[in-house]
Amino acid sequence: CPVYADNGALSHYELRREETGELV
């Protein structure tokens, strides 16, 4: 999951479990 800063720029990525959305 890409995460964007307030200005719309890419900040970083998150890995999440598909089934639960839990942040890994």
PDBML (XML) file of the C-alpha atoms, coordinates in Angstrom:
<?xml version="1.0" encoding="UTF-8" ?>
<PDBx:datablock datablockName="MODEL"
   xmlns:PDBx="http://pdbml.pdb.org/schema/pdbx-v50.xsd"
   xmlns:xsi="http://www.w3.org/2001/XMLSchema-instance"
   xsi:schemaLocation="http://pdbml.pdb.org/schema/pdbx-v50.xsd pdbx-v50.xsd">
   <PDBx:atom_siteCategory>
      <PDBx:atom_site id="1">
         <PDBx:B_iso_or_equiv>0.00</PDBx:B_iso_or_equiv>
         <PDBx:Cartn_x>0.000</PDBx:Cartn_x>
         <PDBx:Cartn_y>0.000</PDBx:Cartn_y>
         <PDBx:Cartn_z>0.000</PDBx:Cartn_z>
         <PDBx:auth_asym_id>A</PDBx:auth_asym_id>
         <PDBx:auth_atom_id>CA</PDBx:auth_atom_id>
         <PDBx:auth_comp_id>CYS</PDBx:auth_comp_id>
         <PDBx:auth_seq_id>1</PDBx:auth_seq_id>
         <PDBx:group_PDB>ATOM</PDBx:group_PDB>
         <PDBx:label_alt_id xsi:nil="true" />
         <PDBx:label_asym_id>A</PDBx:label_asym_id>
         <PDBx:label_atom_id>CA</PDBx:label_atom_id>
         <PDBx:label_comp_id>CYS</PDBx:label_comp_id>
         <PDBx:label_entity_id>1</PDBx:label_entity_id>
         <PDBx:label_seq_id>1</PDBx:label_seq_id>
         <PDBx:occupancy>1.00</PDBx:occupancy>
         <PDBx:pdbx_PDB_model_num>1</PDBx:pdbx_PDB_model_num>
         <PDBx:type_symbol>C</PDBx:type_symbol>
      </PDBx:atom_site>
      <PDBx:atom_site id="2">
         <PDBx:B_iso_or_equiv>0.00</PDBx:B_iso_or_equiv>
         <PDBx:Cartn_x>1.549</PDBx:Cartn_x>
         <PDBx:Cartn_y>3.321</PDBx:Cartn_y>
         <PDBx:Cartn_z>-1.026</PDBx:Cartn_z>
         <PDBx:auth_asym_id>A</PDBx:auth_asym_id>
         <PDBx:auth_atom_id>CA</PDBx:auth_atom_id>
         <PDBx:auth_comp_id>PRO</PDBx:auth_comp_id>
         <PDBx:auth_seq_id>2</PDBx:auth_seq_id>
         <PDBx:group_PDB>ATOM</PDBx:group_PDB>
         <PDBx:label_alt_id xsi:nil="true" />
         <PDBx:label_asym_id>A</PDBx:label_asym_id>
         <PDBx:label_atom_id>CA</PDBx:label_atom_id>
         <PDBx:label_comp_id>PRO</PDBx:label_comp_id>
         <PDBx:label_entity_id>1</PDBx:label_entity_id>
         <PDBx:label_seq_id>2</PDBx:label_seq_id>
         <PDBx:occupancy>1.00</PDBx:occupancy>
         <PDBx:pdbx_PDB_model_num>1</PDBx:pdbx_PDB_model_num>
         <PDBx:type_symbol>C</PDBx:type_symbol>
      </PDBx:atom_site>
      <PDBx:atom_site id="3">
         <PDBx:B_iso_or_equiv>0.00</PDBx:B_iso_or_equiv>
         <PDBx:Cartn_x>1.341</PDBx:Cartn_x>
         <PDBx:Cartn_y>6.087</PDBx:Cartn_y>
         <PDBx:Cartn_z>1.592</PDBx:Cartn_z>
         <PDBx:auth_asym_id>A</PDBx:auth_asym_id>
         <PDBx:auth_atom_id>CA</PDBx:auth_atom_id>
         <PDBx:auth_comp_id>VAL</PDBx:auth_comp_id>
         <PDBx:auth_seq_id>3</PDBx:auth_seq_id>
         <PDBx:group_PDB>ATOM</PDBx:group_PDB>
         <PDBx:label_alt_id xsi:nil="true" />
         <PDBx:label_asym_id>A</PDBx:label_asym_id>
         <PDBx:label_atom_id>CA</PDBx:label_atom_id>
         <PDBx:label_comp_id>VAL</PDBx:label_comp_id>
         <PDBx:label_entity_id>1</PDBx:label_entity_id>
         <PDBx:label_seq_id>3</PDBx:label_seq_id>
         <PDBx:occupancy>1.00</PDBx:occupancy>
         <PDBx:pdbx_PDB_model_num>1</PDBx:pdbx_PDB_model_num>
         <PDBx:type_symbol>C</PDBx:type_symbol>
      </PDBx:atom_site>
      <PDBx:atom_site id="4">
         <PDBx:B_iso_or_equiv>0.00</PDBx:B_iso_or_equiv>
         <PDBx:Cartn_x>1.294</PDBx:Cartn_x>
         <PDBx:Cartn_y>9.694</PDBx:Cartn_y>
         <PDBx:Cartn_z>0.500</PDBx:Cartn_z>
         <PDBx:auth_asym_id>A</PDBx:auth_asym_id>
         <PDBx:auth_atom_id>CA</PDBx:auth_atom_id>
         <PDBx:auth_comp_id>TYR</PDBx:auth_comp_id>
         <PDBx:auth_seq_id>4</PDBx:auth_seq_id>
         <PDBx:group_PDB>ATOM</PDBx:group_PDB>
         <PDBx:label_alt_id xsi:nil="true" />
         <PDBx:label_asym_id>A</PDBx:label_asym_id>
         <PDBx:label_atom_id>CA</PDBx:label_atom_id>
         <PDBx:label_comp_id>TYR</PDBx:label_comp_id>
         <PDBx:label_entity_id>1</PDBx:label_entity_id>
         <PDBx:label_seq_id>4</PDBx:label_seq_id>
         <PDBx:occupancy>1.00</PDBx:occupancy>
         <PDBx:pdbx_PDB_model_num>1</PDBx:pdbx_PDB_model_num>
         <PDBx:type_symbol>C</PDBx:type_symbol>
      </PDBx:atom_site>
      <PDBx:atom_site id="5">
         <PDBx:B_iso_or_equiv>0.00</PDBx:B_iso_or_equiv>
         <PDBx:Cartn_x>2.347</PDBx:Cartn_x>
         <PDBx:Cartn_y>12.847</PDBx:Cartn_y>
         <PDBx:Cartn_z>2.348</PDBx:Cartn_z>
         <PDBx:auth_asym_id>A</PDBx:auth_asym_id>
         <PDBx:auth_atom_id>CA</PDBx:auth_atom_id>
         <PDBx:auth_comp_id>ALA</PDBx:auth_comp_id>
         <PDBx:auth_seq_id>5</PDBx:auth_seq_id>
         <PDBx:group_PDB>ATOM</PDBx:group_PDB>
         <PDBx:label_alt_id xsi:nil="true" />
         <PDBx:label_asym_id>A</PDBx:label_asym_id>
         <PDBx:label_atom_id>CA</PDBx:label_atom_id>
         <PDBx:label_comp_id>ALA</PDBx:label_comp_id>
         <PDBx:label_entity_id>1</PDBx:label_entity_id>
         <PDBx:label_seq_id>5</PDBx:label_seq_id>
         <PDBx:occupancy>1.00</PDBx:occupancy>
         <PDBx:pdbx_PDB_model_num>1</PDBx:pdbx_PDB_model_num>
         <PDBx:type_symbol>C</PDBx:type_symbol>
      </PDBx:atom_site>
      <PDBx:atom_site id="6">
         <PDBx:B_iso_or_equiv>0.00</PDBx:B_iso_or_equiv>
         <PDBx:Cartn_x>0.011</PDBx:Cartn_x>
         <PDBx:Cartn_y>15.799</PDBx:Cartn_y>
         <PDBx:Cartn_z>2.811</PDBx:Cartn_z>
         <PDBx:auth_asym_id>A</PDBx:auth_asym_id>
         <PDBx:auth_atom_id>CA</PDBx:auth_atom_id>
         <PDBx:auth_comp_id>ASP</PDBx:auth_comp_id>
         <PDBx:auth_seq_id>6</PDBx:auth_seq_id>
         <PDBx:group_PDB>ATOM</PDBx:group_PDB>
         <PDBx:label_alt_id xsi:nil="true" />
         <PDBx:label_asym_id>A</PDBx:label_asym_id>
         <PDBx:label_atom_id>CA</PDBx:label_atom_id>
         <PDBx:label_comp_id>ASP</PDBx:label_comp_id>
         <PDBx:label_entity_id>1</PDBx:label_entity_id>
         <PDBx:label_seq_id>6</PDBx:label_seq_id>
         <PDBx:occupancy>1.00</PDBx:occupancy>
         <PDBx:pdbx_PDB_model_num>1</PDBx:pdbx_PDB_model_num>
         <PDBx:type_symbol>C</PDBx:type_symbol>
      </PDBx:atom_site>
      <PDBx:atom_site id="7">
         <PDBx:B_iso_or_equiv>0.00</PDBx:B_iso_or_equiv>
         <PDBx:Cartn_x>1.437</PDBx:Cartn_x>
         <PDBx:Cartn_y>17.392</PDBx:Cartn_y>
         <PDBx:Cartn_z>-0.340</PDBx:Cartn_z>
         <PDBx:auth_asym_id>A</PDBx:auth_asym_id>
         <PDBx:auth_atom_id>CA</PDBx:auth_atom_id>
         <PDBx:auth_comp_id>ASN</PDBx:auth_comp_id>
         <PDBx:auth_seq_id>7</PDBx:auth_seq_id>
         <PDBx:group_PDB>ATOM</PDBx:group_PDB>
         <PDBx:label_alt_id xsi:nil="true" />
         <PDBx:label_asym_id>A</PDBx:label_asym_id>
         <PDBx:label_atom_id>CA</PDBx:label_atom_id>
         <PDBx:label_comp_id>ASN</PDBx:label_comp_id>
         <PDBx:label_entity_id>1</PDBx:label_entity_id>
         <PDBx:label_seq_id>7</PDBx:label_seq_id>
         <PDBx:occupancy>1.00</PDBx:occupancy>
         <PDBx:pdbx_PDB_model_num>1</PDBx:pdbx_PDB_model_num>
         <PDBx:type_symbol>C</PDBx:type_symbol>
      </PDBx:atom_site>
      <PDBx:atom_site id="8">
         <PDBx:B_iso_or_equiv>0.00</PDBx:B_iso_or_equiv>
         <PDBx:Cartn_x>0.524</PDBx:Cartn_x>
         <PDBx:Cartn_y>14.311</PDBx:Cartn_y>
         <PDBx:Cartn_z>-2.387</PDBx:Cartn_z>
         <PDBx:auth_asym_id>A</PDBx:auth_asym_id>
         <PDBx:auth_atom_id>CA</PDBx:auth_atom_id>
         <PDBx:auth_comp_id>GLY</PDBx:auth_comp_id>
         <PDBx:auth_seq_id>8</PDBx:auth_seq_id>
         <PDBx:group_PDB>ATOM</PDBx:group_PDB>
         <PDBx:label_alt_id xsi:nil="true" />
         <PDBx:label_asym_id>A</PDBx:label_asym_id>
         <PDBx:label_atom_id>CA</PDBx:label_atom_id>
         <PDBx:label_comp_id>GLY</PDBx:label_comp_id>
         <PDBx:label_entity_id>1</PDBx:label_entity_id>
         <PDBx:label_seq_id>8</PDBx:label_seq_id>
         <PDBx:occupancy>1.00</PDBx:occupancy>
         <PDBx:pdbx_PDB_model_num>1</PDBx:pdbx_PDB_model_num>
         <PDBx:type_symbol>C</PDBx:type_symbol>
      </PDBx:atom_site>
      <PDBx:atom_site id="9">
         <PDBx:B_iso_or_equiv>0.00</PDBx:B_iso_or_equiv>
         <PDBx:Cartn_x>4.073</PDBx:Cartn_x>
         <PDBx:Cartn_y>13.018</PDBx:Cartn_y>
         <PDBx:Cartn_z>-2.780</PDBx:Cartn_z>
         <PDBx:auth_asym_id>A</PDBx:auth_asym_id>
         <PDBx:auth_atom_id>CA</PDBx:auth_atom_id>
         <PDBx:auth_comp_id>ALA</PDBx:auth_comp_id>
         <PDBx:auth_seq_id>9</PDBx:auth_seq_id>
         <PDBx:group_PDB>ATOM</PDBx:group_PDB>
         <PDBx:label_alt_id xsi:nil="true" />
         <PDBx:label_asym_id>A</PDBx:label_asym_id>
         <PDBx:label_atom_id>CA</PDBx:label_atom_id>
         <PDBx:label_comp_id>ALA</PDBx:label_comp_id>
         <PDBx:label_entity_id>1</PDBx:label_entity_id>
         <PDBx:label_seq_id>9</PDBx:label_seq_id>
         <PDBx:occupancy>1.00</PDBx:occupancy>
         <PDBx:pdbx_PDB_model_num>1</PDBx:pdbx_PDB_model_num>
         <PDBx:type_symbol>C</PDBx:type_symbol>
      </PDBx:atom_site>
      <PDBx:atom_site id="10">
         <PDBx:B_iso_or_equiv>0.00</PDBx:B_iso_or_equiv>
         <PDBx:Cartn_x>4.812</PDBx:Cartn_x>
         <PDBx:Cartn_y>9.361</PDBx:Cartn_y>
         <PDBx:Cartn_z>-2.165</PDBx:Cartn_z>
         <PDBx:auth_asym_id>A</PDBx:auth_asym_id>
         <PDBx:auth_atom_id>CA</PDBx:auth_atom_id>
         <PDBx:auth_comp_id>LEU</PDBx:auth_comp_id>
         <PDBx:auth_seq_id>10</PDBx:auth_seq_id>
         <PDBx:group_PDB>ATOM</PDBx:group_PDB>
         <PDBx:label_alt_id xsi:nil="true" />
         <PDBx:label_asym_id>A</PDBx:label_asym_id>
         <PDBx:label_atom_id>CA</PDBx:label_atom_id>
         <PDBx:label_comp_id>LEU</PDBx:label_comp_id>
         <PDBx:label_entity_id>1</PDBx:label_entity_id>
         <PDBx:label_seq_id>10</PDBx:label_seq_id>
         <PDBx:occupancy>1.00</PDBx:occupancy>
         <PDBx:pdbx_PDB_model_num>1</PDBx:pdbx_PDB_model_num>
         <PDBx:type_symbol>C</PDBx:type_symbol>
      </PDBx:atom_site>
      <PDBx:atom_site id="11">
         <PDBx:B_iso_or_equiv>0.00</PDBx:B_iso_or_equiv>
         <PDBx:Cartn_x>6.046</PDBx:Cartn_x>
         <PDBx:Cartn_y>9.008</PDBx:Cartn_y>
         <PDBx:Cartn_z>1.404</PDBx:Cartn_z>
         <PDBx:auth_asym_id>A</PDBx:auth_asym_id>
         <PDBx:auth_atom_id>CA</PDBx:auth_atom_id>
         <PDBx:auth_comp_id>SER</PDBx:auth_comp_id>
         <PDBx:auth_seq_id>11</PDBx:auth_seq_id>
         <PDBx:group_PDB>ATOM</PDBx:group_PDB>
         <PDBx:label_alt_id xsi:nil="true" />
         <PDBx:label_asym_id>A</PDBx:label_asym_id>
         <PDBx:label_atom_id>CA</PDBx:label_atom_id>
         <PDBx:label_comp_id>SER</PDBx:label_comp_id>
         <PDBx:label_entity_id>1</PDBx:label_entity_id>
         <PDBx:label_seq_id>11</PDBx:label_seq_id>
         <PDBx:occupancy>1.00</PDBx:occupancy>
         <PDBx:pdbx_PDB_model_num>1</PDBx:pdbx_PDB_model_num>
         <PDBx:type_symbol>C</PDBx:type_symbol>
      </PDBx:atom_site>
      <PDBx:atom_site id="12">
         <PDBx:B_iso_or_equiv>0.00</PDBx:B_iso_or_equiv>
         <PDBx:Cartn_x>6.635</PDBx:Cartn_x>
         <PDBx:Cartn_y>5.267</PDBx:Cartn_y>
         <PDBx:Cartn_z>1.833</PDBx:Cartn_z>
         <PDBx:auth_asym_id>A</PDBx:auth_asym_id>
         <PDBx:auth_atom_id>CA</PDBx:auth_atom_id>
         <PDBx:auth_comp_id>HIS</PDBx:auth_comp_id>
         <PDBx:auth_seq_id>12</PDBx:auth_seq_id>
         <PDBx:group_PDB>ATOM</PDBx:group_PDB>
         <PDBx:label_alt_id xsi:nil="true" />
         <PDBx:label_asym_id>A</PDBx:label_asym_id>
         <PDBx:label_atom_id>CA</PDBx:label_atom_id>
         <PDBx:label_comp_id>HIS</PDBx:label_comp_id>
         <PDBx:label_entity_id>1</PDBx:label_entity_id>
         <PDBx:label_seq_id>12</PDBx:label_seq_id>
         <PDBx:occupancy>1.00</PDBx:occupancy>
         <PDBx:pdbx_PDB_model_num>1</PDBx:pdbx_PDB_model_num>
         <PDBx:type_symbol>C</PDBx:type_symbol>
      </PDBx:atom_site>
      <PDBx:atom_site id="13">
         <PDBx:B_iso_or_equiv>0.00</PDBx:B_iso_or_equiv>
         <PDBx:Cartn_x>4.983</PDBx:Cartn_x>
         <PDBx:Cartn_y>1.868</PDBx:Cartn_y>
         <PDBx:Cartn_z>1.454</PDBx:Cartn_z>
         <PDBx:auth_asym_id>A</PDBx:auth_asym_id>
         <PDBx:auth_atom_id>CA</PDBx:auth_atom_id>
         <PDBx:auth_comp_id>TYR</PDBx:auth_comp_id>
         <PDBx:auth_seq_id>13</PDBx:auth_seq_id>
         <PDBx:group_PDB>ATOM</PDBx:group_PDB>
         <PDBx:label_alt_id xsi:nil="true" />
         <PDBx:label_asym_id>A</PDBx:label_asym_id>
         <PDBx:label_atom_id>CA</PDBx:label_atom_id>
         <PDBx:label_comp_id>TYR</PDBx:label_comp_id>
         <PDBx:label_entity_id>1</PDBx:label_entity_id>
         <PDBx:label_seq_id>13</PDBx:label_seq_id>
         <PDBx:occupancy>1.00</PDBx:occupancy>
         <PDBx:pdbx_PDB_model_num>1</PDBx:pdbx_PDB_model_num>
         <PDBx:type_symbol>C</PDBx:type_symbol>
      </PDBx:atom_site>
      <PDBx:atom_site id="14">
         <PDBx:B_iso_or_equiv>0.00</PDBx:B_iso_or_equiv>
         <PDBx:Cartn_x>3.144</PDBx:Cartn_x>
         <PDBx:Cartn_y>-0.280</PDBx:Cartn_y>
         <PDBx:Cartn_z>3.938</PDBx:Cartn_z>
         <PDBx:auth_asym_id>A</PDBx:auth_asym_id>
         <PDBx:auth_atom_id>CA</PDBx:auth_atom_id>
         <PDBx:auth_comp_id>GLU</PDBx:auth_comp_id>
         <PDBx:auth_seq_id>14</PDBx:auth_seq_id>
         <PDBx:group_PDB>ATOM</PDBx:group_PDB>
         <PDBx:label_alt_id xsi:nil="true" />
         <PDBx:label_asym_id>A</PDBx:label_asym_id>
         <PDBx:label_atom_id>CA</PDBx:label_atom_id>
         <PDBx:label_comp_id>GLU</PDBx:label_comp_id>
         <PDBx:label_entity_id>1</PDBx:label_entity_id>
         <PDBx:label_seq_id>14</PDBx:label_seq_id>
         <PDBx:occupancy>1.00</PDBx:occupancy>
         <PDBx:pdbx_PDB_model_num>1</PDBx:pdbx_PDB_model_num>
         <PDBx:type_symbol>C</PDBx:type_symbol>
      </PDBx:atom_site>
      <PDBx:atom_site id="15">
         <PDBx:B_iso_or_equiv>0.00</PDBx:B_iso_or_equiv>
         <PDBx:Cartn_x>2.946</PDBx:Cartn_x>
         <PDBx:Cartn_y>-4.054</PDBx:Cartn_y>
         <PDBx:Cartn_z>3.897</PDBx:Cartn_z>
         <PDBx:auth_asym_id>A</PDBx:auth_asym_id>
         <PDBx:auth_atom_id>CA</PDBx:auth_atom_id>
         <PDBx:auth_comp_id>LEU</PDBx:auth_comp_id>
         <PDBx:auth_seq_id>15</PDBx:auth_seq_id>
         <PDBx:group_PDB>ATOM</PDBx:group_PDB>
         <PDBx:label_alt_id xsi:nil="true" />
         <PDBx:label_asym_id>A</PDBx:label_asym_id>
         <PDBx:label_atom_id>CA</PDBx:label_atom_id>
         <PDBx:label_comp_id>LEU</PDBx:label_comp_id>
         <PDBx:label_entity_id>1</PDBx:label_entity_id>
         <PDBx:label_seq_id>15</PDBx:label_seq_id>
         <PDBx:occupancy>1.00</PDBx:occupancy>
         <PDBx:pdbx_PDB_model_num>1</PDBx:pdbx_PDB_model_num>
         <PDBx:type_symbol>C</PDBx:type_symbol>
      </PDBx:atom_site>
      <PDBx:atom_site id="16">
         <PDBx:B_iso_or_equiv>0.00</PDBx:B_iso_or_equiv>
         <PDBx:Cartn_x>-0.449</PDBx:Cartn_x>
         <PDBx:Cartn_y>-5.207</PDBx:Cartn_y>
         <PDBx:Cartn_z>5.103</PDBx:Cartn_z>
         <PDBx:auth_asym_id>A</PDBx:auth_asym_id>
         <PDBx:auth_atom_id>CA</PDBx:auth_atom_id>
         <PDBx:auth_comp_id>ARG</PDBx:auth_comp_id>
         <PDBx:auth_seq_id>16</PDBx:auth_seq_id>
         <PDBx:group_PDB>ATOM</PDBx:group_PDB>
         <PDBx:label_alt_id xsi:nil="true" />
         <PDBx:label_asym_id>A</PDBx:label_asym_id>
         <PDBx:label_atom_id>CA</PDBx:label_atom_id>
         <PDBx:label_comp_id>ARG</PDBx:label_comp_id>
         <PDBx:label_entity_id>1</PDBx:label_entity_id>
         <PDBx:label_seq_id>16</PDBx:label_seq_id>
         <PDBx:occupancy>1.00</PDBx:occupancy>
         <PDBx:pdbx_PDB_model_num>1</PDBx:pdbx_PDB_model_num>
         <PDBx:type_symbol>C</PDBx:type_symbol>
      </PDBx:atom_site>
      <PDBx:atom_site id="17">
         <PDBx:B_iso_or_equiv>0.00</PDBx:B_iso_or_equiv>
         <PDBx:Cartn_x>-2.107</PDBx:Cartn_x>
         <PDBx:Cartn_y>-8.586</PDBx:Cartn_y>
         <PDBx:Cartn_z>5.462</PDBx:Cartn_z>
         <PDBx:auth_asym_id>A</PDBx:auth_asym_id>
         <PDBx:auth_atom_id>CA</PDBx:auth_atom_id>
         <PDBx:auth_comp_id>ARG</PDBx:auth_comp_id>
         <PDBx:auth_seq_id>17</PDBx:auth_seq_id>
         <PDBx:group_PDB>ATOM</PDBx:group_PDB>
         <PDBx:label_alt_id xsi:nil="true" />
         <PDBx:label_asym_id>A</PDBx:label_asym_id>
         <PDBx:label_atom_id>CA</PDBx:label_atom_id>
         <PDBx:label_comp_id>ARG</PDBx:label_comp_id>
         <PDBx:label_entity_id>1</PDBx:label_entity_id>
         <PDBx:label_seq_id>17</PDBx:label_seq_id>
         <PDBx:occupancy>1.00</PDBx:occupancy>
         <PDBx:pdbx_PDB_model_num>1</PDBx:pdbx_PDB_model_num>
         <PDBx:type_symbol>C</PDBx:type_symbol>
      </PDBx:atom_site>
      <PDBx:atom_site id="18">
         <PDBx:B_iso_or_equiv>0.00</PDBx:B_iso_or_equiv>
         <PDBx:Cartn_x>-4.644</PDBx:Cartn_x>
         <PDBx:Cartn_y>-9.007</PDBx:Cartn_y>
         <PDBx:Cartn_z>2.671</PDBx:Cartn_z>
         <PDBx:auth_asym_id>A</PDBx:auth_asym_id>
         <PDBx:auth_atom_id>CA</PDBx:auth_atom_id>
         <PDBx:auth_comp_id>GLU</PDBx:auth_comp_id>
         <PDBx:auth_seq_id>18</PDBx:auth_seq_id>
         <PDBx:group_PDB>ATOM</PDBx:group_PDB>
         <PDBx:label_alt_id xsi:nil="true" />
         <PDBx:label_asym_id>A</PDBx:label_asym_id>
         <PDBx:label_atom_id>CA</PDBx:label_atom_id>
         <PDBx:label_comp_id>GLU</PDBx:label_comp_id>
         <PDBx:label_entity_id>1</PDBx:label_entity_id>
         <PDBx:label_seq_id>18</PDBx:label_seq_id>
         <PDBx:occupancy>1.00</PDBx:occupancy>
         <PDBx:pdbx_PDB_model_num>1</PDBx:pdbx_PDB_model_num>
         <PDBx:type_symbol>C</PDBx:type_symbol>
      </PDBx:atom_site>
      <PDBx:atom_site id="19">
         <PDBx:B_iso_or_equiv>0.00</PDBx:B_iso_or_equiv>
         <PDBx:Cartn_x>-7.215</PDBx:Cartn_x>
         <PDBx:Cartn_y>-10.731</PDBx:Cartn_y>
         <PDBx:Cartn_z>4.873</PDBx:Cartn_z>
         <PDBx:auth_asym_id>A</PDBx:auth_asym_id>
         <PDBx:auth_atom_id>CA</PDBx:auth_atom_id>
         <PDBx:auth_comp_id>GLU</PDBx:auth_comp_id>
         <PDBx:auth_seq_id>19</PDBx:auth_seq_id>
         <PDBx:group_PDB>ATOM</PDBx:group_PDB>
         <PDBx:label_alt_id xsi:nil="true" />
         <PDBx:label_asym_id>A</PDBx:label_asym_id>
         <PDBx:label_atom_id>CA</PDBx:label_atom_id>
         <PDBx:label_comp_id>GLU</PDBx:label_comp_id>
         <PDBx:label_entity_id>1</PDBx:label_entity_id>
         <PDBx:label_seq_id>19</PDBx:label_seq_id>
         <PDBx:occupancy>1.00</PDBx:occupancy>
         <PDBx:pdbx_PDB_model_num>1</PDBx:pdbx_PDB_model_num>
         <PDBx:type_symbol>C</PDBx:type_symbol>
      </PDBx:atom_site>
      <PDBx:atom_site id="20">
         <PDBx:B_iso_or_equiv>0.00</PDBx:B_iso_or_equiv>
         <PDBx:Cartn_x>-7.241</PDBx:Cartn_x>
         <PDBx:Cartn_y>-8.298</PDBx:Cartn_y>
         <PDBx:Cartn_z>7.781</PDBx:Cartn_z>
         <PDBx:auth_asym_id>A</PDBx:auth_asym_id>
         <PDBx:auth_atom_id>CA</PDBx:auth_atom_id>
         <PDBx:auth_comp_id>THR</PDBx:auth_comp_id>
         <PDBx:auth_seq_id>20</PDBx:auth_seq_id>
         <PDBx:group_PDB>ATOM</PDBx:group_PDB>
         <PDBx:label_alt_id xsi:nil="true" />
         <PDBx:label_asym_id>A</PDBx:label_asym_id>
         <PDBx:label_atom_id>CA</PDBx:label_atom_id>
         <PDBx:label_comp_id>THR</PDBx:label_comp_id>
         <PDBx:label_entity_id>1</PDBx:label_entity_id>
         <PDBx:label_seq_id>20</PDBx:label_seq_id>
         <PDBx:occupancy>1.00</PDBx:occupancy>
         <PDBx:pdbx_PDB_model_num>1</PDBx:pdbx_PDB_model_num>
         <PDBx:type_symbol>C</PDBx:type_symbol>
      </PDBx:atom_site>
      <PDBx:atom_site id="21">
         <PDBx:B_iso_or_equiv>0.00</PDBx:B_iso_or_equiv>
         <PDBx:Cartn_x>-5.509</PDBx:Cartn_x>
         <PDBx:Cartn_y>-5.118</PDBx:Cartn_y>
         <PDBx:Cartn_z>6.610</PDBx:Cartn_z>
         <PDBx:auth_asym_id>A</PDBx:auth_asym_id>
         <PDBx:auth_atom_id>CA</PDBx:auth_atom_id>
         <PDBx:auth_comp_id>GLY</PDBx:auth_comp_id>
         <PDBx:auth_seq_id>21</PDBx:auth_seq_id>
         <PDBx:group_PDB>ATOM</PDBx:group_PDB>
         <PDBx:label_alt_id xsi:nil="true" />
         <PDBx:label_asym_id>A</PDBx:label_asym_id>
         <PDBx:label_atom_id>CA</PDBx:label_atom_id>
         <PDBx:label_comp_id>GLY</PDBx:label_comp_id>
         <PDBx:label_entity_id>1</PDBx:label_entity_id>
         <PDBx:label_seq_id>21</PDBx:label_seq_id>
         <PDBx:occupancy>1.00</PDBx:occupancy>
         <PDBx:pdbx_PDB_model_num>1</PDBx:pdbx_PDB_model_num>
         <PDBx:type_symbol>C</PDBx:type_symbol>
      </PDBx:atom_site>
      <PDBx:atom_site id="22">
         <PDBx:B_iso_or_equiv>0.00</PDBx:B_iso_or_equiv>
         <PDBx:Cartn_x>-3.187</PDBx:Cartn_x>
         <PDBx:Cartn_y>-5.462</PDBx:Cartn_y>
         <PDBx:Cartn_z>9.625</PDBx:Cartn_z>
         <PDBx:auth_asym_id>A</PDBx:auth_asym_id>
         <PDBx:auth_atom_id>CA</PDBx:auth_atom_id>
         <PDBx:auth_comp_id>GLU</PDBx:auth_comp_id>
         <PDBx:auth_seq_id>22</PDBx:auth_seq_id>
         <PDBx:group_PDB>ATOM</PDBx:group_PDB>
         <PDBx:label_alt_id xsi:nil="true" />
         <PDBx:label_asym_id>A</PDBx:label_asym_id>
         <PDBx:label_atom_id>CA</PDBx:label_atom_id>
         <PDBx:label_comp_id>GLU</PDBx:label_comp_id>
         <PDBx:label_entity_id>1</PDBx:label_entity_id>
         <PDBx:label_seq_id>22</PDBx:label_seq_id>
         <PDBx:occupancy>1.00</PDBx:occupancy>
         <PDBx:pdbx_PDB_model_num>1</PDBx:pdbx_PDB_model_num>
         <PDBx:type_symbol>C</PDBx:type_symbol>
      </PDBx:atom_site>
      <PDBx:atom_site id="23">
         <PDBx:B_iso_or_equiv>0.00</PDBx:B_iso_or_equiv>
         <PDBx:Cartn_x>-0.014</PDBx:Cartn_x>
         <PDBx:Cartn_y>-3.414</PDBx:Cartn_y>
         <PDBx:Cartn_z>9.257</PDBx:Cartn_z>
         <PDBx:auth_asym_id>A</PDBx:auth_asym_id>
         <PDBx:auth_atom_id>CA</PDBx:auth_atom_id>
         <PDBx:auth_comp_id>LEU</PDBx:auth_comp_id>
         <PDBx:auth_seq_id>23</PDBx:auth_seq_id>
         <PDBx:group_PDB>ATOM</PDBx:group_PDB>
         <PDBx:label_alt_id xsi:nil="true" />
         <PDBx:label_asym_id>A</PDBx:label_asym_id>
         <PDBx:label_atom_id>CA</PDBx:label_atom_id>
         <PDBx:label_comp_id>LEU</PDBx:label_comp_id>
         <PDBx:label_entity_id>1</PDBx:label_entity_id>
         <PDBx:label_seq_id>23</PDBx:label_seq_id>
         <PDBx:occupancy>1.00</PDBx:occupancy>
         <PDBx:pdbx_PDB_model_num>1</PDBx:pdbx_PDB_model_num>
         <PDBx:type_symbol>C</PDBx:type_symbol>
      </PDBx:atom_site>
      <PDBx:atom_site id="24">
         <PDBx:B_iso_or_equiv>0.00</PDBx:B_iso_or_equiv>
         <PDBx:Cartn_x>3.034</PDBx:Cartn_x>
         <PDBx:Cartn_y>-5.666</PDBx:Cartn_y>
         <PDBx:Cartn_z>9.020</PDBx:Cartn_z>
         <PDBx:auth_asym_id>A</PDBx:auth_asym_id>
         <PDBx:auth_atom_id>CA</PDBx:auth_atom_id>
         <PDBx:auth_comp_id>VAL</PDBx:auth_comp_id>
         <PDBx:auth_seq_id>24</PDBx:auth_seq_id>
         <PDBx:group_PDB>ATOM</PDBx:group_PDB>
         <PDBx:label_alt_id xsi:nil="true" />
         <PDBx:label_asym_id>A</PDBx:label_asym_id>
         <PDBx:label_atom_id>CA</PDBx:label_atom_id>
         <PDBx:label_comp_id>VAL</PDBx:label_comp_id>
         <PDBx:label_entity_id>1</PDBx:label_entity_id>
         <PDBx:label_seq_id>24</PDBx:label_seq_id>
         <PDBx:occupancy>1.00</PDBx:occupancy>
         <PDBx:pdbx_PDB_model_num>1</PDBx:pdbx_PDB_model_num>
         <PDBx:type_symbol>C</PDBx:type_symbol>
      </PDBx:atom_site>
   </PDBx:atom_siteCategory>
</PDBx:datablock>
